[in-house]
Amino acid sequence: MQAPQVTVRAEADGVRVVVCSGEFDLDTTGLLVDACDIRPVPAGLLVVDVRQVAFGDSSFLNALIRLRNTRPLALRGPLPNQLHRMMEMTGALPLFEIRDTTEQAG
């Protein structure tokens, strides 16, 4: 298992980028949720970079959906195959704006 890592950086115009890498499951998805807590520094847009996510289970997808329902959110891709398949199979893919280039992501 690839240990999950989450890093956060603030960019211009209130954009907050959260970069996720590794494998996320029920025990580790809290790292993403904690990193996206915008109370200390309000973000105009939250961009979750999922390009390096090796695995994300349903709890990871659920966290992404909950985040999307509470603030402006975009995913930075391209989406890894496993995550893309899960989002497609569950019908969640159309819920997300997916930005594939640096220029679009922030």
N, C-alpha and C. Protein backbone atom coordinates (compact mmCIF):
# COMPACT_ATOMS: atom_id res chain seq x y z
N MET A 1 0.85 -1.19 0.00
CA MET A 1 0.00 0.00 0.00
C MET A 1 0.89 1.25 0.00
N GLN A 2 0.53 2.20 -0.84
CA GLN A 2 1.23 3.48 -0.88
C GLN A 2 0.64 4.37 0.19
N ALA A 3 1.49 4.82 1.10
CA ALA A 3 1.01 5.70 2.17
C ALA A 3 0.40 6.96 1.56
N PRO A 4 -0.77 7.35 2.03
CA PRO A 4 -1.40 8.55 1.50
C PRO A 4 -0.68 9.82 1.99
N GLN A 5 -0.62 10.78 1.11
CA GLN A 5 -0.05 12.08 1.46
C GLN A 5 -0.96 13.17 0.91
N VAL A 6 -1.07 14.24 1.68
CA VAL A 6 -1.89 15.38 1.28
C VAL A 6 -1.11 16.64 1.57
N THR A 7 -0.96 17.48 0.57
CA THR A 7 -0.30 18.78 0.77
C THR A 7 -1.26 19.87 0.30
N VAL A 8 -1.13 21.03 0.90
CA VAL A 8 -2.03 22.15 0.60
C VAL A 8 -1.20 23.37 0.24
N ARG A 9 -1.65 24.08 -0.78
CA ARG A 9 -1.00 25.35 -1.09
C ARG A 9 -2.07 26.35 -1.51
N ALA A 10 -1.85 27.57 -1.14
CA ALA A 10 -2.77 28.65 -1.52
C ALA A 10 -2.21 29.31 -2.78
N GLU A 11 -3.10 29.65 -3.69
CA GLU A 11 -2.70 30.34 -4.90
C GLU A 11 -3.47 31.65 -5.00
N ALA A 12 -3.21 32.38 -6.04
CA ALA A 12 -3.84 33.69 -6.24
C ALA A 12 -5.36 33.56 -6.30
N ASP A 13 -6.04 34.63 -6.03
CA ASP A 13 -7.49 34.74 -6.14
C ASP A 13 -8.24 33.77 -5.23
N GLY A 14 -7.68 33.45 -4.09
CA GLY A 14 -8.37 32.61 -3.12
C GLY A 14 -8.47 31.14 -3.49
N VAL A 15 -7.67 30.69 -4.43
CA VAL A 15 -7.69 29.28 -4.82
C VAL A 15 -6.83 28.49 -3.86
N ARG A 16 -7.37 27.39 -3.35
CA ARG A 16 -6.61 26.48 -2.49
C ARG A 16 -6.47 25.17 -3.25
N VAL A 17 -5.24 24.69 -3.42
CA VAL A 17 -4.97 23.43 -4.11
C VAL A 17 -4.56 22.39 -3.08
N VAL A 18 -5.26 21.27 -3.08
CA VAL A 18 -4.96 20.15 -2.20
C VAL A 18 -4.49 19.00 -3.09
N VAL A 19 -3.23 18.61 -2.93
CA VAL A 19 -2.63 17.56 -3.75
C VAL A 19 -2.65 16.26 -2.96
N CYS A 20 -3.29 15.24 -3.52
CA CYS A 20 -3.40 13.93 -2.89
C CYS A 20 -2.55 12.92 -3.66
N SER A 21 -1.86 12.06 -2.92
CA SER A 21 -1.11 10.98 -3.56
C SER A 21 -1.17 9.75 -2.67
N GLY A 22 -1.04 8.59 -3.29
CA GLY A 22 -1.07 7.34 -2.54
C GLY A 22 -2.45 6.70 -2.57
N GLU A 23 -2.72 5.88 -1.55
CA GLU A 23 -3.96 5.12 -1.48
C GLU A 23 -4.82 5.61 -0.32
N PHE A 24 -6.10 5.84 -0.63
CA PHE A 24 -7.04 6.38 0.36
C PHE A 24 -8.17 5.39 0.59
N ASP A 25 -8.44 5.11 1.87
CA ASP A 25 -9.55 4.25 2.25
C ASP A 25 -10.23 4.85 3.48
N LEU A 26 -11.11 4.08 4.08
CA LEU A 26 -11.86 4.58 5.23
C LEU A 26 -10.97 5.11 6.34
N ASP A 27 -9.82 4.47 6.55
CA ASP A 27 -8.92 4.88 7.62
C ASP A 27 -8.10 6.12 7.30
N THR A 28 -7.94 6.45 6.02
CA THR A 28 -7.03 7.55 5.66
C THR A 28 -7.70 8.72 4.94
N THR A 29 -8.97 8.59 4.58
CA THR A 29 -9.65 9.67 3.87
C THR A 29 -9.76 10.93 4.71
N GLY A 30 -9.71 10.79 6.03
CA GLY A 30 -9.74 11.95 6.91
C GLY A 30 -8.62 12.94 6.64
N LEU A 31 -7.49 12.46 6.09
CA LEU A 31 -6.40 13.36 5.72
C LEU A 31 -6.86 14.39 4.69
N LEU A 32 -7.63 13.93 3.72
CA LEU A 32 -8.17 14.84 2.70
C LEU A 32 -9.14 15.82 3.32
N VAL A 33 -10.07 15.31 4.11
CA VAL A 33 -11.10 16.17 4.72
C VAL A 33 -10.44 17.23 5.60
N ASP A 34 -9.47 16.82 6.42
CA ASP A 34 -8.78 17.78 7.29
C ASP A 34 -8.05 18.85 6.48
N ALA A 35 -7.42 18.45 5.40
CA ALA A 35 -6.67 19.40 4.57
C ALA A 35 -7.59 20.40 3.88
N CYS A 36 -8.81 20.01 3.64
CA CYS A 36 -9.76 20.88 2.94
C CYS A 36 -10.55 21.77 3.88
N ASP A 37 -10.30 21.69 5.15
CA ASP A 37 -10.99 22.53 6.12
C ASP A 37 -10.60 23.97 5.84
N ILE A 38 -11.54 24.76 5.34
CA ILE A 38 -11.20 26.11 4.88
C ILE A 38 -11.44 27.19 5.92
N ARG A 39 -11.80 26.80 7.12
CA ARG A 39 -12.08 27.83 8.12
C ARG A 39 -10.90 28.76 8.39
N PRO A 40 -9.67 28.26 8.54
CA PRO A 40 -8.58 29.19 8.82
C PRO A 40 -8.29 30.16 7.67
N VAL A 41 -8.34 29.68 6.43
CA VAL A 41 -8.07 30.53 5.27
C VAL A 41 -9.17 30.27 4.24
N PRO A 42 -10.16 31.16 4.16
CA PRO A 42 -11.24 30.92 3.22
C PRO A 42 -10.74 30.81 1.78
N ALA A 43 -11.25 29.84 1.07
CA ALA A 43 -10.85 29.64 -0.33
C ALA A 43 -12.02 29.96 -1.24
N GLY A 44 -11.73 30.69 -2.31
CA GLY A 44 -12.75 30.95 -3.30
C GLY A 44 -13.05 29.69 -4.09
N LEU A 45 -12.03 28.90 -4.36
CA LEU A 45 -12.17 27.66 -5.10
C LEU A 45 -11.23 26.65 -4.49
N LEU A 46 -11.72 25.45 -4.30
CA LEU A 46 -10.90 24.35 -3.81
C LEU A 46 -10.62 23.44 -5.00
N VAL A 47 -9.36 23.22 -5.30
CA VAL A 47 -8.95 22.31 -6.37
C VAL A 47 -8.27 21.12 -5.72
N VAL A 48 -8.86 19.93 -5.92
CA VAL A 48 -8.27 18.71 -5.38
C VAL A 48 -7.55 18.02 -6.53
N ASP A 49 -6.23 17.96 -6.42
CA ASP A 49 -5.38 17.33 -7.43
C ASP A 49 -5.32 15.84 -7.12
N VAL A 50 -5.96 15.03 -7.96
CA VAL A 50 -6.04 13.59 -7.72
C VAL A 50 -5.18 12.79 -8.69
N ARG A 51 -4.33 13.44 -9.44
CA ARG A 51 -3.53 12.76 -10.47
C ARG A 51 -2.65 11.66 -9.91
N GLN A 52 -2.23 11.78 -8.66
CA GLN A 52 -1.31 10.80 -8.09
C GLN A 52 -1.99 9.85 -7.10
N VAL A 53 -3.31 9.79 -7.12
CA VAL A 53 -4.04 8.87 -6.25
C VAL A 53 -3.97 7.48 -6.88
N ALA A 54 -3.29 6.55 -6.19
CA ALA A 54 -3.16 5.19 -6.69
C ALA A 54 -4.43 4.38 -6.46
N PHE A 55 -5.15 4.72 -5.40
CA PHE A 55 -6.39 4.02 -5.07
C PHE A 55 -7.24 4.92 -4.19
N GLY A 56 -8.52 4.95 -4.47
CA GLY A 56 -9.47 5.65 -3.61
C GLY A 56 -10.73 4.81 -3.52
N ASP A 57 -11.16 4.48 -2.31
CA ASP A 57 -12.36 3.66 -2.16
C ASP A 57 -13.60 4.55 -2.08
N SER A 58 -14.73 3.93 -1.75
CA SER A 58 -15.98 4.68 -1.71
C SER A 58 -15.97 5.78 -0.66
N SER A 59 -15.20 5.61 0.42
CA SER A 59 -15.14 6.68 1.43
C SER A 59 -14.41 7.90 0.87
N PHE A 60 -13.42 7.68 0.01
CA PHE A 60 -12.71 8.79 -0.64
C PHE A 60 -13.67 9.53 -1.57
N LEU A 61 -14.43 8.77 -2.37
CA LEU A 61 -15.41 9.39 -3.27
C LEU A 61 -16.47 10.13 -2.46
N ASN A 62 -16.94 9.54 -1.39
CA ASN A 62 -17.93 10.18 -0.54
C ASN A 62 -17.40 11.51 0.01
N ALA A 63 -16.13 11.53 0.43
CA ALA A 63 -15.53 12.77 0.93
C ALA A 63 -15.49 13.82 -0.17
N LEU A 64 -15.13 13.43 -1.39
CA LEU A 64 -15.11 14.39 -2.50
C LEU A 64 -16.51 14.96 -2.75
N ILE A 65 -17.52 14.10 -2.70
CA ILE A 65 -18.89 14.56 -2.93
C ILE A 65 -19.33 15.51 -1.82
N ARG A 66 -19.03 15.17 -0.57
CA ARG A 66 -19.39 16.05 0.54
C ARG A 66 -18.69 17.40 0.41
N LEU A 67 -17.42 17.40 0.05
CA LEU A 67 -16.68 18.66 -0.14
C LEU A 67 -17.32 19.48 -1.26
N ARG A 68 -17.67 18.83 -2.34
CA ARG A 68 -18.27 19.50 -3.48
C ARG A 68 -19.60 20.14 -3.11
N ASN A 69 -20.31 19.51 -2.19
CA ASN A 69 -21.61 20.03 -1.78
C ASN A 69 -21.51 21.20 -0.81
N THR A 70 -20.32 21.50 -0.31
CA THR A 70 -20.18 22.57 0.68
C THR A 70 -19.36 23.77 0.20
N ARG A 71 -18.76 23.68 -0.96
CA ARG A 71 -17.92 24.77 -1.46
C ARG A 71 -17.64 24.60 -2.94
N PRO A 72 -17.20 25.66 -3.63
CA PRO A 72 -16.81 25.51 -5.02
C PRO A 72 -15.60 24.57 -5.10
N LEU A 73 -15.71 23.52 -5.93
CA LEU A 73 -14.66 22.52 -5.99
C LEU A 73 -14.46 22.05 -7.42
N ALA A 74 -13.20 21.82 -7.77
CA ALA A 74 -12.85 21.21 -9.05
C ALA A 74 -11.80 20.15 -8.78
N LEU A 75 -11.79 19.12 -9.62
CA LEU A 75 -10.75 18.10 -9.54
C LEU A 75 -9.71 18.39 -10.61
N ARG A 76 -8.46 18.25 -10.23
CA ARG A 76 -7.39 18.41 -11.21
C ARG A 76 -6.98 17.02 -11.67
N GLY A 77 -7.06 16.79 -12.94
CA GLY A 77 -6.75 15.49 -13.51
C GLY A 77 -5.63 15.57 -14.50
N PRO A 78 -5.51 14.57 -15.30
CA PRO A 78 -6.52 13.56 -15.57
C PRO A 78 -6.73 12.62 -14.38
N LEU A 79 -7.95 12.10 -14.29
CA LEU A 79 -8.27 11.19 -13.20
C LEU A 79 -7.54 9.86 -13.40
N PRO A 80 -7.01 9.30 -12.31
CA PRO A 80 -6.43 7.95 -12.41
C PRO A 80 -7.52 6.96 -12.85
N ASN A 81 -7.14 5.91 -13.56
CA ASN A 81 -8.11 4.97 -14.11
C ASN A 81 -9.07 4.41 -13.06
N GLN A 82 -8.55 3.97 -11.93
CA GLN A 82 -9.39 3.36 -10.91
C GLN A 82 -10.44 4.35 -10.39
N LEU A 83 -10.01 5.58 -10.12
CA LEU A 83 -10.93 6.59 -9.62
C LEU A 83 -11.96 6.96 -10.68
N HIS A 84 -11.53 7.08 -11.92
CA HIS A 84 -12.43 7.39 -13.03
C HIS A 84 -13.48 6.30 -13.18
N ARG A 85 -13.07 5.04 -13.13
CA ARG A 85 -14.03 3.93 -13.26
C ARG A 85 -15.05 3.95 -12.13
N MET A 86 -14.58 4.16 -10.90
CA MET A 86 -15.51 4.18 -9.77
C MET A 86 -16.50 5.34 -9.90
N MET A 87 -16.02 6.51 -10.30
CA MET A 87 -16.90 7.65 -10.44
C MET A 87 -17.91 7.43 -11.57
N GLU A 88 -17.46 6.78 -12.62
CA GLU A 88 -18.34 6.49 -13.74
C GLU A 88 -19.39 5.46 -13.35
N MET A 89 -18.98 4.39 -12.67
CA MET A 89 -19.90 3.32 -12.27
C MET A 89 -20.95 3.79 -11.27
N THR A 90 -20.58 4.74 -10.41
CA THR A 90 -21.52 5.22 -9.40
C THR A 90 -22.36 6.39 -9.88
N GLY A 91 -22.06 6.91 -11.06
CA GLY A 91 -22.80 8.05 -11.58
C GLY A 91 -22.32 9.38 -11.01
N ALA A 92 -21.19 9.38 -10.31
CA ALA A 92 -20.68 10.60 -9.68
C ALA A 92 -19.86 11.47 -10.63
N LEU A 93 -19.40 10.93 -11.73
CA LEU A 93 -18.52 11.67 -12.63
C LEU A 93 -19.10 13.01 -13.08
N PRO A 94 -20.38 13.07 -13.48
CA PRO A 94 -20.93 14.35 -13.93
C PRO A 94 -21.05 15.41 -12.82
N LEU A 95 -20.91 15.01 -11.57
CA LEU A 95 -21.01 15.97 -10.47
C LEU A 95 -19.81 16.90 -10.39
N PHE A 96 -18.70 16.51 -11.03
CA PHE A 96 -17.44 17.22 -10.83
C PHE A 96 -16.96 17.93 -12.08
N GLU A 97 -16.41 19.12 -11.85
CA GLU A 97 -15.67 19.82 -12.88
C GLU A 97 -14.25 19.26 -12.82
N ILE A 98 -13.76 18.76 -13.96
CA ILE A 98 -12.42 18.19 -13.99
C ILE A 98 -11.56 19.06 -14.88
N ARG A 99 -10.47 19.53 -14.31
CA ARG A 99 -9.54 20.42 -15.01
C ARG A 99 -8.25 19.67 -15.25
N ASP A 100 -7.90 19.53 -16.53
CA ASP A 100 -6.74 18.72 -16.89
C ASP A 100 -5.45 19.49 -17.11
N THR A 101 -5.49 20.82 -17.05
CA THR A 101 -4.27 21.58 -17.28
C THR A 101 -3.99 22.53 -16.12
N THR A 102 -2.75 22.88 -15.98
CA THR A 102 -2.35 23.81 -14.93
C THR A 102 -3.06 25.14 -15.08
N GLU A 103 -3.21 25.60 -16.32
CA GLU A 103 -3.85 26.90 -16.54
C GLU A 103 -5.29 26.88 -16.06
N GLN A 104 -5.98 25.76 -16.20
CA GLN A 104 -7.37 25.68 -15.77
C GLN A 104 -7.50 25.49 -14.28
N ALA A 105 -6.47 24.92 -13.63
CA ALA A 105 -6.62 24.50 -12.24
C ALA A 105 -6.52 25.63 -11.25
N GLY A 106 -6.09 26.77 -11.64
CA GLY A 106 -6.02 27.77 -10.61
C GLY A 106 -5.72 29.14 -11.11
